[in-house]
Amino acid sequence: MIVNGEKFDLAALGGAQTLAGLIAYFNLAPQRVAVELNGDLIGRGAYEQTALHDNDALEIIHYVGGG
């Protein structure tokens, strides 16, 4: 699996089997990220149901507030 250009072994990601599990593994707030999975933007409502596979490519963008 590739996450933001870095190769990861899916089994080593704390047993994350869904996109929601992966977001939790990285300690990210689901409401503050945008996720592209294999070129498709995934809506927040689908994070729990979106299964992950070893050959997936993800881009996770974390929004940071400031001012």
PDB file of N, CA and C in Angstrom:
ATOM      1  N   MET A   1       0.842  -1.157   0.000  1.00  0.00           N
ATOM      2  CA  MET A   1       0.000   0.000   0.000  1.00  0.00           C
ATOM      3  C   MET A   1       0.897   1.232   0.000  1.00  0.00           C
ATOM      4  N   ILE A   2       0.483   2.230  -0.734  1.00  0.00           N
ATOM      5  CA  ILE A   2       1.215   3.499  -0.781  1.00  0.00           C
ATOM      6  C   ILE A   2       0.338   4.572  -0.137  1.00  0.00           C
ATOM      7  N   VAL A   3       0.874   5.269   0.859  1.00  0.00           N
ATOM      8  CA  VAL A   3       0.165   6.358   1.518  1.00  0.00           C
ATOM      9  C   VAL A   3       1.030   7.600   1.389  1.00  0.00           C
ATOM     10  N   ASN A   4       0.513   8.592   0.685  1.00  0.00           N
ATOM     11  CA  ASN A   4       1.229   9.849   0.456  1.00  0.00           C
ATOM     12  C   ASN A   4       2.641   9.601  -0.071  1.00  0.00           C
ATOM     13  N   GLY A   5       2.748   8.666  -1.004  1.00  0.00           N
ATOM     14  CA  GLY A   5       4.014   8.379  -1.657  1.00  0.00           C
ATOM     15  C   GLY A   5       4.944   7.455  -0.898  1.00  0.00           C
ATOM     16  N   GLU A   6       4.553   7.017   0.287  1.00  0.00           N
ATOM     17  CA  GLU A   6       5.397   6.138   1.103  1.00  0.00           C
ATOM     18  C   GLU A   6       4.787   4.737   1.168  1.00  0.00           C
ATOM     19  N   LYS A   7       5.611   3.726   0.969  1.00  0.00           N
ATOM     20  CA  LYS A   7       5.138   2.342   0.973  1.00  0.00           C
ATOM     21  C   LYS A   7       4.933   1.849   2.407  1.00  0.00           C
ATOM     22  N   PHE A   8       3.780   1.227   2.631  1.00  0.00           N
ATOM     23  CA  PHE A   8       3.443   0.641   3.926  1.00  0.00           C
ATOM     24  C   PHE A   8       2.976  -0.789   3.712  1.00  0.00           C
ATOM     25  N   ASP A   9       3.256  -1.641   4.673  1.00  0.00           N
ATOM     26  CA  ASP A   9       2.706  -2.988   4.694  1.00  0.00           C
ATOM     27  C   ASP A   9       1.374  -2.895   5.422  1.00  0.00           C
ATOM     28  N   LEU A  10       0.297  -3.235   4.756  1.00  0.00           N
ATOM     29  CA  LEU A  10      -1.032  -3.122   5.348  1.00  0.00           C
ATOM     30  C   LEU A  10      -1.121  -3.852   6.684  1.00  0.00           C
ATOM     31  N   ALA A  11      -0.505  -5.006   6.785  1.00  0.00           N
ATOM     32  CA  ALA A  11      -0.539  -5.783   8.025  1.00  0.00           C
ATOM     33  C   ALA A  11       0.150  -5.057   9.175  1.00  0.00           C
ATOM     34  N   ALA A  12       1.090  -4.176   8.868  1.00  0.00           N
ATOM     35  CA  ALA A  12       1.830  -3.462   9.907  1.00  0.00           C
ATOM     36  C   ALA A  12       1.128  -2.188  10.368  1.00  0.00           C
ATOM     37  N   LEU A  13      -0.006  -1.870   9.776  1.00  0.00           N
ATOM     38  CA  LEU A  13      -0.705  -0.630  10.117  1.00  0.00           C
ATOM     39  C   LEU A  13      -1.742  -0.838  11.211  1.00  0.00           C
ATOM     40  N   GLY A  14      -1.373  -1.556  12.229  1.00  0.00           N
ATOM     41  CA  GLY A  14      -2.238  -1.740  13.384  1.00  0.00           C
ATOM     42  C   GLY A  14      -3.517  -2.492  13.075  1.00  0.00           C
ATOM     43  N   GLY A  15      -3.514  -3.304  12.027  1.00  0.00           N
ATOM     44  CA  GLY A  15      -4.711  -4.059  11.689  1.00  0.00           C
ATOM     45  C   GLY A  15      -5.790  -3.223  11.028  1.00  0.00           C
ATOM     46  N   ALA A  16      -5.439  -2.038  10.553  1.00  0.00           N
ATOM     47  CA  ALA A  16      -6.422  -1.184   9.886  1.00  0.00           C
ATOM     48  C   ALA A  16      -6.942  -1.892   8.639  1.00  0.00           C
ATOM     49  N   GLN A  17      -8.242  -2.143   8.604  1.00  0.00           N
ATOM     50  CA  GLN A  17      -8.835  -2.839   7.466  1.00  0.00           C
ATOM     51  C   GLN A  17      -9.747  -1.931   6.660  1.00  0.00           C
ATOM     52  N   THR A  18     -10.071  -0.775   7.240  1.00  0.00           N
ATOM     53  CA  THR A  18     -10.912   0.198   6.542  1.00  0.00           C
ATOM     54  C   THR A  18     -10.208   1.539   6.534  1.00  0.00           C
ATOM     55  N   LEU A  19     -10.723   2.424   5.727  1.00  0.00           N
ATOM     56  CA  LEU A  19     -10.169   3.769   5.668  1.00  0.00           C
ATOM     57  C   LEU A  19     -10.288   4.466   7.024  1.00  0.00           C
ATOM     58  N   ALA A  20     -11.391   4.248   7.719  1.00  0.00           N
ATOM     59  CA  ALA A  20     -11.564   4.831   9.057  1.00  0.00           C
ATOM     60  C   ALA A  20     -10.489   4.310  10.008  1.00  0.00           C
ATOM     61  N   GLY A  21     -10.173   3.024   9.928  1.00  0.00           N
ATOM     62  CA  GLY A  21      -9.132   2.454  10.775  1.00  0.00           C
ATOM     63  C   GLY A  21      -7.766   3.037  10.472  1.00  0.00           C
ATOM     64  N   LEU A  22      -7.484   3.281   9.201  1.00  0.00           N
ATOM     65  CA  LEU A  22      -6.204   3.874   8.815  1.00  0.00           C
ATOM     66  C   LEU A  22      -6.092   5.307   9.319  1.00  0.00           C
ATOM     67  N   ILE A  23      -7.164   6.062   9.210  1.00  0.00           N
ATOM     68  CA  ILE A  23      -7.176   7.445   9.704  1.00  0.00           C
ATOM     69  C   ILE A  23      -6.946   7.452  11.213  1.00  0.00           C
ATOM     70  N   ALA A  24      -7.578   6.531  11.920  1.00  0.00           N
ATOM     71  CA  ALA A  24      -7.372   6.416  13.371  1.00  0.00           C
ATOM     72  C   ALA A  24      -5.934   6.005  13.682  1.00  0.00           C
ATOM     73  N   TYR A  25      -5.370   5.087  12.903  1.00  0.00           N
ATOM     74  CA  TYR A  25      -3.988   4.640  13.120  1.00  0.00           C
ATOM     75  C   TYR A  25      -3.017   5.823  13.062  1.00  0.00           C
ATOM     76  N   PHE A  26      -3.249   6.733  12.134  1.00  0.00           N
ATOM     77  CA  PHE A  26      -2.385   7.911  11.995  1.00  0.00           C
ATOM     78  C   PHE A  26      -2.790   9.050  12.932  1.00  0.00           C
ATOM     79  N   ASN A  27      -3.757   8.794  13.832  1.00  0.00           N
ATOM     80  CA  ASN A  27      -4.234   9.790  14.800  1.00  0.00           C
ATOM     81  C   ASN A  27      -4.706  11.083  14.138  1.00  0.00           C
ATOM     82  N   LEU A  28      -5.441  10.936  13.045  1.00  0.00           N
ATOM     83  CA  LEU A  28      -5.994  12.080  12.338  1.00  0.00           C
ATOM     84  C   LEU A  28      -7.484  12.191  12.644  1.00  0.00           C
ATOM     85  N   ALA A  29      -7.991  13.412  12.660  1.00  0.00           N
ATOM     86  CA  ALA A  29      -9.418  13.635  12.867  1.00  0.00           C
ATOM     87  C   ALA A  29     -10.131  13.467  11.522  1.00  0.00           C
ATOM     88  N   PRO A  30     -11.074  12.538  11.414  1.00  0.00           N
ATOM     89  CA  PRO A  30     -11.733  12.278  10.127  1.00  0.00           C
ATOM     90  C   PRO A  30     -12.373  13.520   9.508  1.00  0.00           C
ATOM     91  N   GLN A  31     -12.863  14.426  10.337  1.00  0.00           N
ATOM     92  CA  GLN A  31     -13.512  15.627   9.823  1.00  0.00           C
ATOM     93  C   GLN A  31     -12.509  16.656   9.293  1.00  0.00           C
ATOM     94  N   ARG A  32     -11.202  16.392   9.474  1.00  0.00           N
ATOM     95  CA  ARG A  32     -10.180  17.335   9.039  1.00  0.00           C
ATOM     96  C   ARG A  32      -9.268  16.757   7.953  1.00  0.00           C
ATOM     97  N   VAL A  33      -9.729  15.700   7.290  1.00  0.00           N
ATOM     98  CA  VAL A  33      -8.933  15.120   6.215  1.00  0.00           C
ATOM     99  C   VAL A  33      -9.764  14.965   4.953  1.00  0.00           C
ATOM    100  N   ALA A  34      -9.066  14.939   3.835  1.00  0.00           N
ATOM    101  CA  ALA A  34      -9.642  14.556   2.546  1.00  0.00           C
ATOM    102  C   ALA A  34      -8.812  13.375   2.067  1.00  0.00           C
ATOM    103  N   VAL A  35      -9.479  12.362   1.505  1.00  0.00           N
ATOM    104  CA  VAL A  35      -8.777  11.147   1.113  1.00  0.00           C
ATOM    105  C   VAL A  35      -9.088  10.806  -0.343  1.00  0.00           C
ATOM    106  N   GLU A  36      -8.011  10.540  -1.072  1.00  0.00           N
ATOM    107  CA  GLU A  36      -8.133  10.031  -2.434  1.00  0.00           C
ATOM    108  C   GLU A  36      -7.612   8.596  -2.411  1.00  0.00           C
ATOM    109  N   LEU A  37      -8.432   7.671  -2.876  1.00  0.00           N
ATOM    110  CA  LEU A  37      -8.080   6.248  -2.905  1.00  0.00           C
ATOM    111  C   LEU A  37      -8.074   5.789  -4.352  1.00  0.00           C
ATOM    112  N   ASN A  38      -6.906   5.404  -4.831  1.00  0.00           N
ATOM    113  CA  ASN A  38      -6.752   4.937  -6.211  1.00  0.00           C
ATOM    114  C   ASN A  38      -7.331   5.930  -7.215  1.00  0.00           C
ATOM    115  N   GLY A  39      -7.118   7.207  -6.945  1.00  0.00           N
ATOM    116  CA  GLY A  39      -7.537   8.258  -7.866  1.00  0.00           C
ATOM    117  C   GLY A  39      -8.949   8.771  -7.666  1.00  0.00           C
ATOM    118  N   ASP A  40      -9.697   8.193  -6.724  1.00  0.00           N
ATOM    119  CA  ASP A  40     -11.078   8.618  -6.465  1.00  0.00           C
ATOM    120  C   ASP A  40     -11.180   9.279  -5.098  1.00  0.00           C
ATOM    121  N   LEU A  41     -11.823  10.441  -5.052  1.00  0.00           N
ATOM    122  CA  LEU A  41     -12.065  11.124  -3.787  1.00  0.00           C
ATOM    123  C   LEU A  41     -13.134  10.352  -3.024  1.00  0.00           C
ATOM    124  N   ILE A  42     -12.867  10.057  -1.753  1.00  0.00           N
ATOM    125  CA  ILE A  42     -13.788   9.286  -0.917  1.00  0.00           C
ATOM    126  C   ILE A  42     -14.481  10.235   0.056  1.00  0.00           C
ATOM    127  N   GLY A  43     -15.797  10.201   0.086  1.00  0.00           N
ATOM    128  CA  GLY A  43     -16.563  11.034   1.003  1.00  0.00           C
ATOM    129  C   GLY A  43     -16.424  10.542   2.435  1.00  0.00           C
ATOM    130  N   ARG A  44     -16.503  11.456   3.392  1.00  0.00           N
ATOM    131  CA  ARG A  44     -16.337  11.097   4.808  1.00  0.00           C
ATOM    132  C   ARG A  44     -17.319  10.024   5.259  1.00  0.00           C
ATOM    133  N   GLY A  45     -18.509  10.038   4.727  1.00  0.00           N
ATOM    134  CA  GLY A  45     -19.519   9.067   5.110  1.00  0.00           C
ATOM    135  C   GLY A  45     -19.181   7.641   4.694  1.00  0.00           C
ATOM    136  N   ALA A  46     -18.198   7.485   3.826  1.00  0.00           N
ATOM    137  CA  ALA A  46     -17.829   6.153   3.339  1.00  0.00           C
ATOM    138  C   ALA A  46     -16.572   5.611   4.003  1.00  0.00           C
ATOM    139  N   TYR A  47     -15.952   6.348   4.902  1.00  0.00           N
ATOM    140  CA  TYR A  47     -14.691   5.905   5.511  1.00  0.00           C
ATOM    141  C   TYR A  47     -14.835   4.556   6.221  1.00  0.00           C
ATOM    142  N   GLU A  48     -15.920   4.359   6.955  1.00  0.00           N
ATOM    143  CA  GLU A  48     -16.119   3.115   7.724  1.00  0.00           C
ATOM    144  C   GLU A  48     -16.298   1.899   6.818  1.00  0.00           C
ATOM    145  N   GLN A  49     -16.901   2.096   5.642  1.00  0.00           N
ATOM    146  CA  GLN A  49     -17.215   0.986   4.757  1.00  0.00           C
ATOM    147  C   GLN A  49     -16.145   0.742   3.689  1.00  0.00           C
ATOM    148  N   THR A  50     -15.160   1.626   3.588  1.00  0.00           N
ATOM    149  CA  THR A  50     -14.162   1.506   2.529  1.00  0.00           C
ATOM    150  C   THR A  50     -13.028   0.584   2.970  1.00  0.00           C
ATOM    151  N   ALA A  51     -13.017  -0.622   2.396  1.00  0.00           N
ATOM    152  CA  ALA A  51     -11.994  -1.616   2.726  1.00  0.00           C
ATOM    153  C   ALA A  51     -10.668  -1.251   2.058  1.00  0.00           C
ATOM    154  N   LEU A  52      -9.581  -1.606   2.727  1.00  0.00           N
ATOM    155  CA  LEU A  52      -8.237  -1.356   2.207  1.00  0.00           C
ATOM    156  C   LEU A  52      -7.623  -2.653   1.700  1.00  0.00           C
ATOM    157  N   HIS A  53      -6.769  -2.516   0.679  1.00  0.00           N
ATOM    158  CA  HIS A  53      -6.089  -3.658   0.084  1.00  0.00           C
ATOM    159  C   HIS A  53      -4.610  -3.337  -0.102  1.00  0.00           C
ATOM    160  N   ASP A  54      -3.791  -4.374  -0.174  1.00  0.00           N
ATOM    161  CA  ASP A  54      -2.341  -4.195  -0.277  1.00  0.00           C
ATOM    162  C   ASP A  54      -1.906  -3.364  -1.475  1.00  0.00           C
ATOM    163  N   ASN A  55      -2.658  -3.388  -2.563  1.00  0.00           N
ATOM    164  CA  ASN A  55      -2.240  -2.677  -3.768  1.00  0.00           C
ATOM    165  C   ASN A  55      -2.851  -1.280  -3.886  1.00  0.00           C
ATOM    166  N   ASP A  56      -3.490  -0.770  -2.825  1.00  0.00           N
ATOM    167  CA  ASP A  56      -4.105   0.551  -2.862  1.00  0.00           C
ATOM    168  C   ASP A  56      -3.066   1.668  -2.818  1.00  0.00           C
ATOM    169  N   ALA A  57      -3.445   2.795  -3.427  1.00  0.00           N
ATOM    170  CA  ALA A  57      -2.645   4.021  -3.350  1.00  0.00           C
ATOM    171  C   ALA A  57      -3.542   5.102  -2.774  1.00  0.00           C
ATOM    172  N   LEU A  58      -3.100   5.697  -1.660  1.00  0.00           N
ATOM    173  CA  LEU A  58      -3.887   6.728  -0.988  1.00  0.00           C
ATOM    174  C   LEU A  58      -3.129   8.029  -0.895  1.00  0.00           C
ATOM    175  N   GLU A  59      -3.868   9.114  -0.975  1.00  0.00           N
ATOM    176  CA  GLU A  59      -3.354  10.441  -0.664  1.00  0.00           C
ATOM    177  C   GLU A  59      -4.258  10.965   0.431  1.00  0.00           C
ATOM    178  N   ILE A  60      -3.676  11.317   1.560  1.00  0.00           N
ATOM    179  CA  ILE A  60      -4.432  11.859   2.674  1.00  0.00           C
ATOM    180  C   ILE A  60      -3.967  13.284   2.905  1.00  0.00           C
ATOM    181  N   ILE A  61      -4.903  14.206   2.827  1.00  0.00           N
ATOM    182  CA  ILE A  61      -4.598  15.613   3.055  1.00  0.00           C
ATOM    183  C   ILE A  61      -5.236  16.016   4.373  1.00  0.00           C
ATOM    184  N   HIS A  62      -4.420  16.527   5.282  1.00  0.00           N
ATOM    185  CA  HIS A  62      -4.883  16.932   6.605  1.00  0.00           C
ATOM    186  C   HIS A  62      -4.983  18.437   6.632  1.00  0.00           C
ATOM    187  N   TYR A  63      -6.183  18.948   6.904  1.00  0.00           N
ATOM    188  CA  TYR A  63      -6.401  20.385   6.971  1.00  0.00           C
ATOM    189  C   TYR A  63      -5.923  20.913   8.314  1.00  0.00           C
ATOM    190  N   VAL A  64      -5.188  22.008   8.272  1.00  0.00           N
ATOM    191  CA  VAL A  64      -4.665  22.631   9.474  1.00  0.00           C
ATOM    192  C   VAL A  64      -5.203  24.053   9.537  1.00  0.00           C
ATOM    193  N   GLY A  65      -5.807  24.403  10.662  1.00  0.00           N
ATOM    194  CA  GLY A  65      -6.334  25.748  10.826  1.00  0.00           C
ATOM    195  C   GLY A  65      -5.230  26.705  11.250  1.00  0.00           C
ATOM    196  N   GLY A  66      -5.474  27.938  11.036  1.00  0.00           N
ATOM    197  CA  GLY A  66      -4.497  28.947  11.429  1.00  0.00           C
ATOM    198  C   GLY A  66      -5.082  30.318  11.230  1.00  0.00           C
ATOM    199  N   GLY A  67      -4.306  31.276  11.561  1.00  0.00           N
ATOM    200  CA  GLY A  67      -4.866  32.609  11.371  1.00  0.00           C
ATOM    201  C   GLY A  67      -3.927  33.685  11.718  1.00  0.00           C
TER     202      GLY A  67
END
